[in-house]
Amino acid sequence: MDVKIKIYFTDDDGSQFMGIGVYWLLVGIKEHGSIRKAAEEMHLSYVKALGMLKTLEKTLNGKILNRKRGGDSREGTTLTSQGDRLVYLYQIYQKKVKSFAEMEFEKFRKEFDLVD
């Protein structure tokens, strides 16, 4: 028996804007310097990835990506300092929440096993 949790953030209307998928997408962009490559790695369409990123930036009311366009050079995309900070803090937050959930689940299992 194990516990699995899904962590995501919602806006004031309850719409999801940040979760593990967006986190992985941002990490992929940071690694590859490309939205397209990060999306391909996740088996996401480019359009879906763009939508996720647009929603994220709109909800946070801030720029998360530096996009550089241009001809054949296609200079790519990088994370802003705010984007880097979001990735870093989300990773820490996720680890803390999962660790807490696992500890509480162990307590639950022990108490439940006593009932048997």
C-alpha atoms as a PDB file:
ATOM      1  CA  MET A   1       0.000   0.000   0.000  1.00  0.00           C
ATOM      2  CA  ASP A   2       1.275   3.455  -0.910  1.00  0.00           C
ATOM      3  CA  VAL A   3      -0.004   7.007  -1.227  1.00  0.00           C
ATOM      4  CA  LYS A   4       0.088   9.056  -4.417  1.00  0.00           C
ATOM      5  CA  ILE A   5      -0.737  12.727  -4.499  1.00  0.00           C
ATOM      6  CA  LYS A   6      -1.126  15.222  -7.288  1.00  0.00           C
ATOM      7  CA  ILE A   7      -0.114  18.783  -6.521  1.00  0.00           C
ATOM      8  CA  TYR A   8      -1.318  21.638  -8.668  1.00  0.00           C
ATOM      9  CA  PHE A   9      -2.142  25.297  -8.243  1.00  0.00           C
ATOM     10  CA  THR A  10      -5.410  26.878  -9.337  1.00  0.00           C
ATOM     11  CA  ASP A  11      -6.441  30.439 -10.067  1.00  0.00           C
ATOM     12  CA  ASP A  12      -9.328  32.249  -8.398  1.00  0.00           C
ATOM     13  CA  ASP A  13     -11.779  30.505 -10.744  1.00  0.00           C
ATOM     14  CA  GLY A  14     -10.446  27.051  -9.860  1.00  0.00           C
ATOM     15  CA  SER A  15      -8.650  26.528 -13.173  1.00  0.00           C
ATOM     16  CA  GLN A  16      -5.343  24.686 -12.960  1.00  0.00           C
ATOM     17  CA  PHE A  17      -2.312  26.691 -14.083  1.00  0.00           C
ATOM     18  CA  MET A  18       0.693  24.996 -12.466  1.00  0.00           C
ATOM     19  CA  GLY A  19       1.415  21.362 -11.781  1.00  0.00           C
ATOM     20  CA  ILE A  20       3.982  18.710 -12.491  1.00  0.00           C
ATOM     21  CA  GLY A  21       3.381  18.912 -16.253  1.00  0.00           C
ATOM     22  CA  VAL A  22       4.136  22.624 -16.401  1.00  0.00           C
ATOM     23  CA  TYR A  23       7.112  22.047 -14.116  1.00  0.00           C
ATOM     24  CA  TRP A  24       8.507  19.349 -16.452  1.00  0.00           C
ATOM     25  CA  LEU A  25       7.892  21.621 -19.435  1.00  0.00           C
ATOM     26  CA  LEU A  26       9.834  24.460 -17.808  1.00  0.00           C
ATOM     27  CA  VAL A  27      12.675  22.107 -16.863  1.00  0.00           C
ATOM     28  CA  GLY A  28      12.750  20.859 -20.455  1.00  0.00           C
ATOM     29  CA  ILE A  29      12.884  24.397 -21.803  1.00  0.00           C
ATOM     30  CA  LYS A  30      15.720  25.168 -19.436  1.00  0.00           C
ATOM     31  CA  GLU A  31      17.583  22.044 -20.579  1.00  0.00           C
ATOM     32  CA  HIS A  32      16.959  22.329 -24.334  1.00  0.00           C
ATOM     33  CA  GLY A  33      16.488  26.080 -24.831  1.00  0.00           C
ATOM     34  CA  SER A  34      13.415  25.245 -26.876  1.00  0.00           C
ATOM     35  CA  ILE A  35       9.687  24.980 -26.229  1.00  0.00           C
ATOM     36  CA  ARG A  36       9.323  22.635 -29.193  1.00  0.00           C
ATOM     37  CA  LYS A  37      12.024  20.222 -27.980  1.00  0.00           C
ATOM     38  CA  ALA A  38      10.689  20.262 -24.415  1.00  0.00           C
ATOM     39  CA  ALA A  39       7.171  19.552 -25.683  1.00  0.00           C
ATOM     40  CA  GLU A  40       8.362  16.726 -27.939  1.00  0.00           C
ATOM     41  CA  GLU A  41      10.212  15.139 -25.029  1.00  0.00           C
ATOM     42  CA  MET A  42       6.948  15.124 -23.072  1.00  0.00           C
ATOM     43  CA  HIS A  43       4.899  13.888 -26.054  1.00  0.00           C
ATOM     44  CA  LEU A  44       2.931  17.146 -25.999  1.00  0.00           C
ATOM     45  CA  SER A  45       1.891  19.100 -29.047  1.00  0.00           C
ATOM     46  CA  TYR A  46       3.653  22.412 -29.463  1.00  0.00           C
ATOM     47  CA  VAL A  47       0.266  24.185 -29.406  1.00  0.00           C
ATOM     48  CA  LYS A  48      -0.663  22.501 -26.086  1.00  0.00           C
ATOM     49  CA  ALA A  49       2.691  23.502 -24.572  1.00  0.00           C
ATOM     50  CA  LEU A  50       2.240  27.102 -25.725  1.00  0.00           C
ATOM     51  CA  GLY A  51      -1.237  27.156 -24.179  1.00  0.00           C
ATOM     52  CA  MET A  52       0.091  25.879 -20.854  1.00  0.00           C
ATOM     53  CA  LEU A  53       2.824  28.522 -20.835  1.00  0.00           C
ATOM     54  CA  LYS A  54       0.461  31.320 -21.845  1.00  0.00           C
ATOM     55  CA  THR A  55      -1.925  30.359 -19.025  1.00  0.00           C
ATOM     56  CA  LEU A  56       0.952  30.260 -16.543  1.00  0.00           C
ATOM     57  CA  GLU A  57       2.253  33.708 -17.468  1.00  0.00           C
ATOM     58  CA  LYS A  58      -1.238  35.208 -17.558  1.00  0.00           C
ATOM     59  CA  THR A  59      -2.180  33.795 -14.154  1.00  0.00           C
ATOM     60  CA  LEU A  60       1.099  34.844 -12.525  1.00  0.00           C
ATOM     61  CA  ASN A  61       0.911  38.191 -14.287  1.00  0.00           C
ATOM     62  CA  GLY A  62       4.594  37.953 -15.100  1.00  0.00           C
ATOM     63  CA  LYS A  63       7.067  36.900 -17.716  1.00  0.00           C
ATOM     64  CA  ILE A  64       8.392  33.367 -17.197  1.00  0.00           C
ATOM     65  CA  LEU A  65      10.078  32.942 -20.578  1.00  0.00           C
ATOM     66  CA  ASN A  66      12.447  34.908 -22.777  1.00  0.00           C
ATOM     67  CA  ARG A  67      11.478  34.024 -26.329  1.00  0.00           C
ATOM     68  CA  LYS A  68      13.885  34.762 -29.136  1.00  0.00           C
ATOM     69  CA  ARG A  69      12.588  34.349 -32.650  1.00  0.00           C
ATOM     70  CA  GLY A  70      14.263  34.850 -35.913  1.00  0.00           C
ATOM     71  CA  GLY A  71      14.793  33.242 -39.275  1.00  0.00           C
ATOM     72  CA  ASP A  72      16.969  30.200 -39.590  1.00  0.00           C
ATOM     73  CA  SER A  73      18.940  30.882 -36.408  1.00  0.00           C
ATOM     74  CA  ARG A  74      15.937  30.218 -34.124  1.00  0.00           C
ATOM     75  CA  GLU A  75      17.750  31.402 -31.054  1.00  0.00           C
ATOM     76  CA  GLY A  76      15.363  29.631 -28.735  1.00  0.00           C
ATOM     77  CA  THR A  77      13.737  30.202 -25.383  1.00  0.00           C
ATOM     78  CA  THR A  78      15.159  30.595 -21.899  1.00  0.00           C
ATOM     79  CA  LEU A  79      13.614  31.039 -18.481  1.00  0.00           C
ATOM     80  CA  THR A  80      13.540  34.473 -16.926  1.00  0.00           C
ATOM     81  CA  SER A  81      14.876  34.850 -13.404  1.00  0.00           C
ATOM     82  CA  GLN A  82      11.250  34.584 -12.254  1.00  0.00           C
ATOM     83  CA  GLY A  83      10.900  31.374 -14.278  1.00  0.00           C
ATOM     84  CA  ASP A  84      14.054  29.915 -12.727  1.00  0.00           C
ATOM     85  CA  ARG A  85      12.773  30.856  -9.284  1.00  0.00           C
ATOM     86  CA  LEU A  86       9.394  29.244  -9.977  1.00  0.00           C
ATOM     87  CA  VAL A  87      11.057  25.963 -11.022  1.00  0.00           C
ATOM     88  CA  TYR A  88      13.313  25.973  -7.964  1.00  0.00           C
ATOM     89  CA  LEU A  89      10.574  26.817  -5.459  1.00  0.00           C
ATOM     90  CA  TYR A  90       8.016  24.437  -6.989  1.00  0.00           C
ATOM     91  CA  GLN A  91      10.501  21.563  -6.743  1.00  0.00           C
ATOM     92  CA  ILE A  92      11.144  22.310  -3.062  1.00  0.00           C
ATOM     93  CA  TYR A  93       7.437  22.745  -2.324  1.00  0.00           C
ATOM     94  CA  GLN A  94       6.551  19.490  -4.063  1.00  0.00           C
ATOM     95  CA  LYS A  95       9.198  17.533  -2.122  1.00  0.00           C
ATOM     96  CA  LYS A  96       8.017  18.960   1.201  1.00  0.00           C
ATOM     97  CA  VAL A  97       4.346  18.222   0.523  1.00  0.00           C
ATOM     98  CA  LYS A  98       5.074  14.678  -0.673  1.00  0.00           C
ATOM     99  CA  SER A  99       7.310  14.012   2.320  1.00  0.00           C
ATOM    100  CA  PHE A 100       4.604  15.239   4.694  1.00  0.00           C
ATOM    101  CA  ALA A 101       1.958  13.145   2.923  1.00  0.00           C
ATOM    102  CA  GLU A 102       4.133  10.033   3.149  1.00  0.00           C
ATOM    103  CA  MET A 103       4.733  10.555   6.889  1.00  0.00           C
ATOM    104  CA  GLU A 104       1.032  11.045   7.528  1.00  0.00           C
ATOM    105  CA  PHE A 105       0.200   7.998   5.431  1.00  0.00           C
ATOM    106  CA  GLU A 106       2.563   5.865   7.517  1.00  0.00           C
ATOM    107  CA  LYS A 107       0.742   7.041  10.646  1.00  0.00           C
ATOM    108  CA  PHE A 108      -2.565   6.194   9.004  1.00  0.00           C
ATOM    109  CA  ARG A 109      -1.351   2.715   8.020  1.00  0.00           C
ATOM    110  CA  LYS A 110      -0.147   1.981  11.543  1.00  0.00           C
ATOM    111  CA  GLU A 111      -3.423   3.106  13.076  1.00  0.00           C
ATOM    112  CA  PHE A 112      -5.433   1.207  10.492  1.00  0.00           C
ATOM    113  CA  ASP A 113      -3.421  -1.972  10.985  1.00  0.00           C
ATOM    114  CA  LEU A 114      -4.189  -1.794  14.719  1.00  0.00           C
ATOM    115  CA  VAL A 115      -7.891  -1.976  13.876  1.00  0.00           C
ATOM    116  CA  ASP A 116      -7.556  -5.306  12.025  1.00  0.00           C
END
